[in-house]
Amino acid sequence: MPNQAPPRGLFITVEGGEGVGKSTNIEYLRRYLVEHGVDLVVSREPGGTAMAEDIRQVLISSRTEPVAAMTELLLIFAARAQHIETVIEPALARGQWVLCDRFTDATYAYQAGGRGMDPELIRHLEQLVQGDLRPDITLLLDATVAVGMERARDRGALDRFEQEQLEFFERVRSTYLQLARESSGRYRIIDANQDLAQVQQQLHGVCEELLDCWGVRQ
């Protein structure tokens, strides 16, 4: 009999505004899933490849020259195209799970919600760049803007996005919550206003759900 291709991997994204603890909690998810037998690739957006990381630095660096919203959007999708082609799709085809710090939902939240761009334009680019690729599960770390920005300031110098006004981040959060309502089957909302132990208790429950539903146990 011919060799069968491995089952396609699971694509998990982690979303949220500034200061919600994505990096810390992605490391918790990575450790938990690997310890329970998941063959896992961890990545991020913008970024995930050498070229896409270069684009990331262009995007987040503070500069005196105003950055046009369209320039920002096209750079994000350029990095995403490279990331999908060289990291995400090959890993999923090998049967690996992919855990990604932000994906296209962030573009809807930041560029449509925050910047006020037409979401139809983003949908067009999404289809052009991604085809049928969409996350299987999205974890939204949700905290109030006041809590998130206080944590972000405590981390040190703010990047170009983190320097936006509070109203920008309120629109970002509102858009994320709207996306979660519209795609409730895909989204799991994590209350990130709570302390780290409570947040990770919520994540533990999601991990157990994923392992039970997709049959990966060790």
C-alpha atoms as a PDB file:
ATOM      1  CA  MET A   1       0.000   0.000   0.000  1.00  0.00           C
ATOM      2  CA  PRO A   2       1.268   3.532  -0.673  1.00  0.00           C
ATOM      3  CA  ASN A   3       2.415   5.556   2.296  1.00  0.00           C
ATOM      4  CA  GLN A   4      -0.365   7.705   3.662  1.00  0.00           C
ATOM      5  CA  ALA A   5       0.232  11.400   4.325  1.00  0.00           C
ATOM      6  CA  PRO A   6       0.195  12.319   8.024  1.00  0.00           C
ATOM      7  CA  PRO A   7      -3.004  13.921   9.293  1.00  0.00           C
ATOM      8  CA  ARG A   8      -2.904  17.677   8.957  1.00  0.00           C
ATOM      9  CA  GLY A   9      -1.760  19.509  12.059  1.00  0.00           C
ATOM     10  CA  LEU A  10      -3.782  21.897  14.211  1.00  0.00           C
ATOM     11  CA  PHE A  11      -3.371  25.649  13.713  1.00  0.00           C
ATOM     12  CA  ILE A  12      -3.723  27.553  17.004  1.00  0.00           C
ATOM     13  CA  THR A  13      -3.447  31.332  17.241  1.00  0.00           C
ATOM     14  CA  VAL A  14      -3.151  33.519  20.324  1.00  0.00           C
ATOM     15  CA  GLU A  15      -4.537  37.044  20.048  1.00  0.00           C
ATOM     16  CA  GLY A  16      -4.899  40.076  22.253  1.00  0.00           C
ATOM     17  CA  GLY A  17      -3.996  43.701  22.716  1.00  0.00           C
ATOM     18  CA  GLU A  18      -0.960  45.190  24.386  1.00  0.00           C
ATOM     19  CA  GLY A  19       0.089  43.940  27.815  1.00  0.00           C
ATOM     20  CA  VAL A  20      -2.248  40.936  28.003  1.00  0.00           C
ATOM     21  CA  GLY A  21       0.612  38.480  28.613  1.00  0.00           C
ATOM     22  CA  LYS A  22       0.808  36.705  25.273  1.00  0.00           C
ATOM     23  CA  SER A  23       4.517  35.871  25.417  1.00  0.00           C
ATOM     24  CA  THR A  24       4.384  34.447  28.932  1.00  0.00           C
ATOM     25  CA  ASN A  25       1.264  32.425  28.263  1.00  0.00           C
ATOM     26  CA  ILE A  26       2.401  31.139  24.881  1.00  0.00           C
ATOM     27  CA  GLU A  27       5.422  29.698  26.681  1.00  0.00           C
ATOM     28  CA  TYR A  28       3.032  28.039  29.155  1.00  0.00           C
ATOM     29  CA  LEU A  29       1.018  26.581  26.254  1.00  0.00           C
ATOM     30  CA  ARG A  30       4.184  25.425  24.479  1.00  0.00           C
ATOM     31  CA  ARG A  31       5.495  23.644  27.557  1.00  0.00           C
ATOM     32  CA  TYR A  32       2.158  22.013  28.386  1.00  0.00           C
ATOM     33  CA  LEU A  33       1.477  20.755  24.872  1.00  0.00           C
ATOM     34  CA  VAL A  34       4.984  19.421  24.289  1.00  0.00           C
ATOM     35  CA  GLU A  35       4.937  17.641  27.660  1.00  0.00           C
ATOM     36  CA  HIS A  36       1.713  15.933  26.528  1.00  0.00           C
ATOM     37  CA  GLY A  37       3.135  14.626  23.272  1.00  0.00           C
ATOM     38  CA  VAL A  38       2.344  17.349  20.748  1.00  0.00           C
ATOM     39  CA  ASP A  39       4.855  17.896  17.942  1.00  0.00           C
ATOM     40  CA  LEU A  40       4.693  21.685  18.030  1.00  0.00           C
ATOM     41  CA  VAL A  41       6.015  24.640  16.046  1.00  0.00           C
ATOM     42  CA  VAL A  42       5.829  28.030  17.796  1.00  0.00           C
ATOM     43  CA  SER A  43       5.942  31.180  15.718  1.00  0.00           C
ATOM     44  CA  ARG A  44       4.736  34.774  15.647  1.00  0.00           C
ATOM     45  CA  GLU A  45       3.426  37.543  13.427  1.00  0.00           C
ATOM     46  CA  PRO A  46       4.637  39.731  12.021  1.00  0.00           C
ATOM     47  CA  GLY A  47       7.692  37.510  11.784  1.00  0.00           C
ATOM     48  CA  GLY A  48       8.390  33.813  11.959  1.00  0.00           C
ATOM     49  CA  THR A  49      11.077  33.751   9.252  1.00  0.00           C
ATOM     50  CA  ALA A  50      14.285  35.751   8.804  1.00  0.00           C
ATOM     51  CA  MET A  51      12.745  37.881   6.066  1.00  0.00           C
ATOM     52  CA  ALA A  52       9.441  38.354   7.901  1.00  0.00           C
ATOM     53  CA  GLU A  53      11.331  39.356  11.063  1.00  0.00           C
ATOM     54  CA  ASP A  54      13.088  42.063   9.033  1.00  0.00           C
ATOM     55  CA  ILE A  55       9.672  43.350   7.957  1.00  0.00           C
ATOM     56  CA  ARG A  56       8.554  43.236  11.597  1.00  0.00           C
ATOM     57  CA  GLN A  57      11.358  45.578  12.589  1.00  0.00           C
ATOM     58  CA  VAL A  58      10.343  48.007   9.847  1.00  0.00           C
ATOM     59  CA  LEU A  59       6.761  47.910  11.150  1.00  0.00           C
ATOM     60  CA  ILE A  60       7.365  48.383  14.874  1.00  0.00           C
ATOM     61  CA  SER A  61      10.299  50.821  14.807  1.00  0.00           C
ATOM     62  CA  SER A  62       9.490  54.390  15.818  1.00  0.00           C
ATOM     63  CA  ARG A  63      10.149  56.884  13.033  1.00  0.00           C
ATOM     64  CA  THR A  64       9.586  60.550  12.264  1.00  0.00           C
ATOM     65  CA  GLU A  65       8.170  59.785   8.804  1.00  0.00           C
ATOM     66  CA  PRO A  66       4.417  59.149   8.955  1.00  0.00           C
ATOM     67  CA  VAL A  67       3.541  55.574   7.972  1.00  0.00           C
ATOM     68  CA  ALA A  68       0.580  55.334   5.613  1.00  0.00           C
ATOM     69  CA  ALA A  69      -2.047  52.824   6.757  1.00  0.00           C
ATOM     70  CA  MET A  70      -1.902  51.094   3.373  1.00  0.00           C
ATOM     71  CA  THR A  71       1.875  50.746   3.605  1.00  0.00           C
ATOM     72  CA  GLU A  72       1.514  49.155   7.037  1.00  0.00           C
ATOM     73  CA  LEU A  73      -1.188  46.762   5.817  1.00  0.00           C
ATOM     74  CA  LEU A  74       0.743  45.604   2.761  1.00  0.00           C
ATOM     75  CA  LEU A  75       3.916  45.053   4.784  1.00  0.00           C
ATOM     76  CA  ILE A  76       1.959  42.919   7.257  1.00  0.00           C
ATOM     77  CA  PHE A  77       0.565  40.747   4.480  1.00  0.00           C
ATOM     78  CA  ALA A  78       3.962  40.527   2.768  1.00  0.00           C
ATOM     79  CA  ALA A  79       5.425  39.129   5.992  1.00  0.00           C
ATOM     80  CA  ARG A  80       2.417  36.822   6.347  1.00  0.00           C
ATOM     81  CA  ALA A  81       2.804  35.431   2.832  1.00  0.00           C
ATOM     82  CA  GLN A  82       6.431  34.522   3.550  1.00  0.00           C
ATOM     83  CA  HIS A  83       5.519  33.036   6.932  1.00  0.00           C
ATOM     84  CA  ILE A  84       2.725  30.872   5.529  1.00  0.00           C
ATOM     85  CA  GLU A  85       4.783  29.633   2.601  1.00  0.00           C
ATOM     86  CA  THR A  86       7.929  28.726   4.524  1.00  0.00           C
ATOM     87  CA  VAL A  87       6.740  27.847   8.052  1.00  0.00           C
ATOM     88  CA  ILE A  88       3.025  27.406   8.672  1.00  0.00           C
ATOM     89  CA  GLU A  89       1.850  25.356   5.701  1.00  0.00           C
ATOM     90  CA  PRO A  90       4.853  22.985   5.655  1.00  0.00           C
ATOM     91  CA  ALA A  91       4.491  22.306   9.393  1.00  0.00           C
ATOM     92  CA  LEU A  92       0.750  21.628   9.159  1.00  0.00           C
ATOM     93  CA  ALA A  93       1.325  19.327   6.167  1.00  0.00           C
ATOM     94  CA  ARG A  94       3.848  17.327   8.228  1.00  0.00           C
ATOM     95  CA  GLY A  95       1.185  16.836  10.898  1.00  0.00           C
ATOM     96  CA  GLN A  96       2.735  19.288  13.365  1.00  0.00           C
ATOM     97  CA  TRP A  97       0.652  21.681  15.402  1.00  0.00           C
ATOM     98  CA  VAL A  98       1.410  25.381  14.897  1.00  0.00           C
ATOM     99  CA  LEU A  99       1.050  27.806  17.815  1.00  0.00           C
ATOM    100  CA  CYS A 100       1.229  31.359  16.498  1.00  0.00           C
ATOM    101  CA  ASP A 101       1.440  34.646  18.392  1.00  0.00           C
ATOM    102  CA  ARG A 102      -1.123  36.658  16.397  1.00  0.00           C
ATOM    103  CA  PHE A 103      -2.385  36.126  12.855  1.00  0.00           C
ATOM    104  CA  THR A 104      -4.925  37.803  10.570  1.00  0.00           C
ATOM    105  CA  ASP A 105      -7.412  38.538  13.354  1.00  0.00           C
ATOM    106  CA  ALA A 106      -4.805  41.013  14.601  1.00  0.00           C
ATOM    107  CA  THR A 107      -4.952  42.747  11.227  1.00  0.00           C
ATOM    108  CA  TYR A 108      -8.710  43.159  11.529  1.00  0.00           C
ATOM    109  CA  ALA A 109      -8.293  44.422  15.104  1.00  0.00           C
ATOM    110  CA  TYR A 110      -5.398  46.817  14.543  1.00  0.00           C
ATOM    111  CA  GLN A 111      -5.764  47.960  10.942  1.00  0.00           C
ATOM    112  CA  ALA A 112      -9.569  47.821  10.531  1.00  0.00           C
ATOM    113  CA  GLY A 113     -10.504  48.514  14.149  1.00  0.00           C
ATOM    114  CA  GLY A 114      -7.619  50.680  15.278  1.00  0.00           C
ATOM    115  CA  ARG A 115      -6.765  52.453  12.013  1.00  0.00           C
ATOM    116  CA  GLY A 116     -10.276  52.501  10.578  1.00  0.00           C
ATOM    117  CA  MET A 117      -9.374  50.703   7.328  1.00  0.00           C
ATOM    118  CA  ASP A 118     -12.048  48.993   5.261  1.00  0.00           C
ATOM    119  CA  PRO A 119     -12.342  45.376   6.504  1.00  0.00           C
ATOM    120  CA  GLU A 120     -13.335  44.315   2.966  1.00  0.00           C
ATOM    121  CA  LEU A 121      -9.845  45.242   1.800  1.00  0.00           C
ATOM    122  CA  ILE A 122      -8.378  43.031   4.523  1.00  0.00           C
ATOM    123  CA  ARG A 123     -10.718  40.198   3.549  1.00  0.00           C
ATOM    124  CA  HIS A 124      -9.531  40.472  -0.049  1.00  0.00           C
ATOM    125  CA  LEU A 125      -5.871  40.286   0.983  1.00  0.00           C
ATOM    126  CA  GLU A 126      -6.658  37.466   3.407  1.00  0.00           C
ATOM    127  CA  GLN A 127      -8.092  35.360   0.607  1.00  0.00           C
ATOM    128  CA  LEU A 128      -5.303  36.299  -1.802  1.00  0.00           C
ATOM    129  CA  VAL A 129      -2.486  35.448   0.616  1.00  0.00           C
ATOM    130  CA  GLN A 130      -4.008  32.612   2.640  1.00  0.00           C
ATOM    131  CA  GLY A 131      -6.400  30.808   0.337  1.00  0.00           C
ATOM    132  CA  ASP A 132      -8.354  28.446   2.591  1.00  0.00           C
ATOM    133  CA  LEU A 133      -5.913  28.654   5.519  1.00  0.00           C
ATOM    134  CA  ARG A 134      -7.619  29.801   8.726  1.00  0.00           C
ATOM    135  CA  PRO A 135      -6.862  29.057  12.388  1.00  0.00           C
ATOM    136  CA  ASP A 136      -8.603  26.045  13.897  1.00  0.00           C
ATOM    137  CA  ILE A 137      -8.651  27.550  17.386  1.00  0.00           C
ATOM    138  CA  THR A 138      -8.015  31.128  18.520  1.00  0.00           C
ATOM    139  CA  LEU A 139      -7.314  32.027  22.138  1.00  0.00           C
ATOM    140  CA  LEU A 140      -8.135  35.656  22.879  1.00  0.00           C
ATOM    141  CA  LEU A 141      -6.346  36.995  25.936  1.00  0.00           C
ATOM    142  CA  ASP A 142      -8.694  39.819  26.874  1.00  0.00           C
ATOM    143  CA  ALA A 143      -7.959  42.572  29.385  1.00  0.00           C
ATOM    144  CA  THR A 144      -9.181  46.115  29.780  1.00  0.00           C
ATOM    145  CA  VAL A 145      -7.074  48.701  27.982  1.00  0.00           C
ATOM    146  CA  ALA A 146      -6.128  50.347  31.278  1.00  0.00           C
ATOM    147  CA  VAL A 147      -4.741  47.082  32.674  1.00  0.00           C
ATOM    148  CA  GLY A 148      -2.984  46.140  29.450  1.00  0.00           C
ATOM    149  CA  MET A 149      -1.283  49.489  28.914  1.00  0.00           C
ATOM    150  CA  GLU A 150      -0.106  49.660  32.517  1.00  0.00           C
ATOM    151  CA  ARG A 151       1.566  46.273  32.053  1.00  0.00           C
ATOM    152  CA  ALA A 152       3.011  47.326  28.680  1.00  0.00           C
ATOM    153  CA  ARG A 153       4.567  50.454  30.195  1.00  0.00           C
ATOM    154  CA  ASP A 154       6.099  48.362  32.966  1.00  0.00           C
ATOM    155  CA  ARG A 155       7.968  46.313  30.306  1.00  0.00           C
ATOM    156  CA  GLY A 156      10.005  49.333  29.214  1.00  0.00           C
ATOM    157  CA  ALA A 157      10.210  51.350  25.987  1.00  0.00           C
ATOM    158  CA  LEU A 158       7.079  51.263  23.842  1.00  0.00           C
ATOM    159  CA  ASP A 159       7.221  50.372  20.136  1.00  0.00           C
ATOM    160  CA  ARG A 160       5.432  52.323  17.374  1.00  0.00           C
ATOM    161  CA  PHE A 161       2.118  50.544  17.917  1.00  0.00           C
ATOM    162  CA  GLU A 162       2.258  50.737  21.708  1.00  0.00           C
ATOM    163  CA  GLN A 163       2.610  54.526  21.480  1.00  0.00           C
ATOM    164  CA  GLU A 164      -0.878  54.925  20.041  1.00  0.00           C
ATOM    165  CA  GLN A 165      -3.613  56.740  21.989  1.00  0.00           C
ATOM    166  CA  LEU A 166      -5.907  54.862  24.372  1.00  0.00           C
ATOM    167  CA  GLU A 167      -8.847  55.317  21.992  1.00  0.00           C
ATOM    168  CA  PHE A 168      -6.934  53.290  19.391  1.00  0.00           C
ATOM    169  CA  PHE A 169      -6.585  50.369  21.793  1.00  0.00           C
ATOM    170  CA  GLU A 170     -10.224  50.589  22.833  1.00  0.00           C
ATOM    171  CA  ARG A 171     -11.153  50.118  19.169  1.00  0.00           C
ATOM    172  CA  VAL A 172      -8.701  47.216  18.899  1.00  0.00           C
ATOM    173  CA  ARG A 173     -10.227  45.476  21.902  1.00  0.00           C
ATOM    174  CA  SER A 174     -13.767  46.106  20.697  1.00  0.00           C
ATOM    175  CA  THR A 175     -12.928  44.583  17.310  1.00  0.00           C
ATOM    176  CA  TYR A 176     -11.363  41.507  18.904  1.00  0.00           C
ATOM    177  CA  LEU A 177     -14.485  40.944  20.995  1.00  0.00           C
ATOM    178  CA  GLN A 178     -16.667  41.392  17.910  1.00  0.00           C
ATOM    179  CA  LEU A 179     -14.585  38.807  16.032  1.00  0.00           C
ATOM    180  CA  ALA A 180     -14.989  36.429  18.971  1.00  0.00           C
ATOM    181  CA  ARG A 181     -18.756  36.841  18.875  1.00  0.00           C
ATOM    182  CA  GLU A 182     -18.852  36.264  15.108  1.00  0.00           C
ATOM    183  CA  SER A 183     -16.609  33.175  15.266  1.00  0.00           C
ATOM    184  CA  SER A 184     -17.593  31.754  18.638  1.00  0.00           C
ATOM    185  CA  GLY A 185     -16.893  28.183  17.550  1.00  0.00           C
ATOM    186  CA  ARG A 186     -13.261  29.027  16.903  1.00  0.00           C
ATOM    187  CA  TYR A 187     -12.609  31.465  19.745  1.00  0.00           C
ATOM    188  CA  ARG A 188     -11.873  30.820  23.396  1.00  0.00           C
ATOM    189  CA  ILE A 189     -11.874  34.030  25.458  1.00  0.00           C
ATOM    190  CA  ILE A 190      -9.395  34.057  28.345  1.00  0.00           C
ATOM    191  CA  ASP A 191      -9.897  36.662  31.083  1.00  0.00           C
ATOM    192  CA  ALA A 192      -6.427  38.220  31.210  1.00  0.00           C
ATOM    193  CA  ASN A 193      -7.394  40.783  33.850  1.00  0.00           C
ATOM    194  CA  GLN A 194      -6.772  38.032  36.394  1.00  0.00           C
ATOM    195  CA  ASP A 195      -3.414  37.143  37.884  1.00  0.00           C
ATOM    196  CA  LEU A 196      -1.081  34.782  36.042  1.00  0.00           C
ATOM    197  CA  ALA A 197      -2.054  31.660  37.978  1.00  0.00           C
ATOM    198  CA  GLN A 198      -5.751  32.206  37.217  1.00  0.00           C
ATOM    199  CA  VAL A 199      -5.048  32.913  33.546  1.00  0.00           C
ATOM    200  CA  GLN A 200      -3.028  29.731  33.227  1.00  0.00           C
ATOM    201  CA  GLN A 201      -5.745  27.754  34.951  1.00  0.00           C
ATOM    202  CA  GLN A 202      -8.067  28.867  32.145  1.00  0.00           C
ATOM    203  CA  LEU A 203      -5.423  27.911  29.558  1.00  0.00           C
ATOM    204  CA  HIS A 204      -5.040  24.496  31.189  1.00  0.00           C
ATOM    205  CA  GLY A 205      -8.720  23.852  30.512  1.00  0.00           C
ATOM    206  CA  VAL A 206      -8.330  24.825  26.858  1.00  0.00           C
ATOM    207  CA  CYS A 207      -5.275  22.576  26.500  1.00  0.00           C
ATOM    208  CA  GLU A 208      -7.217  19.665  27.932  1.00  0.00           C
ATOM    209  CA  GLU A 209     -10.015  20.334  25.454  1.00  0.00           C
ATOM    210  CA  LEU A 210      -7.559  20.364  22.542  1.00  0.00           C
ATOM    211  CA  LEU A 211      -5.851  17.161  23.618  1.00  0.00           C
ATOM    212  CA  ASP A 212      -9.176  15.404  24.120  1.00  0.00           C
ATOM    213  CA  CYS A 213     -10.681  16.567  20.821  1.00  0.00           C
ATOM    214  CA  TRP A 214      -7.637  15.905  18.669  1.00  0.00           C
ATOM    215  CA  GLY A 215      -6.541  12.714  20.377  1.00  0.00           C
ATOM    216  CA  VAL A 216      -2.949  13.600  21.234  1.00  0.00           C
ATOM    217  CA  ARG A 217      -1.959  12.121  24.560  1.00  0.00           C
ATOM    218  CA  GLN A 218       1.288  10.882  26.034  1.00  0.00           C
END
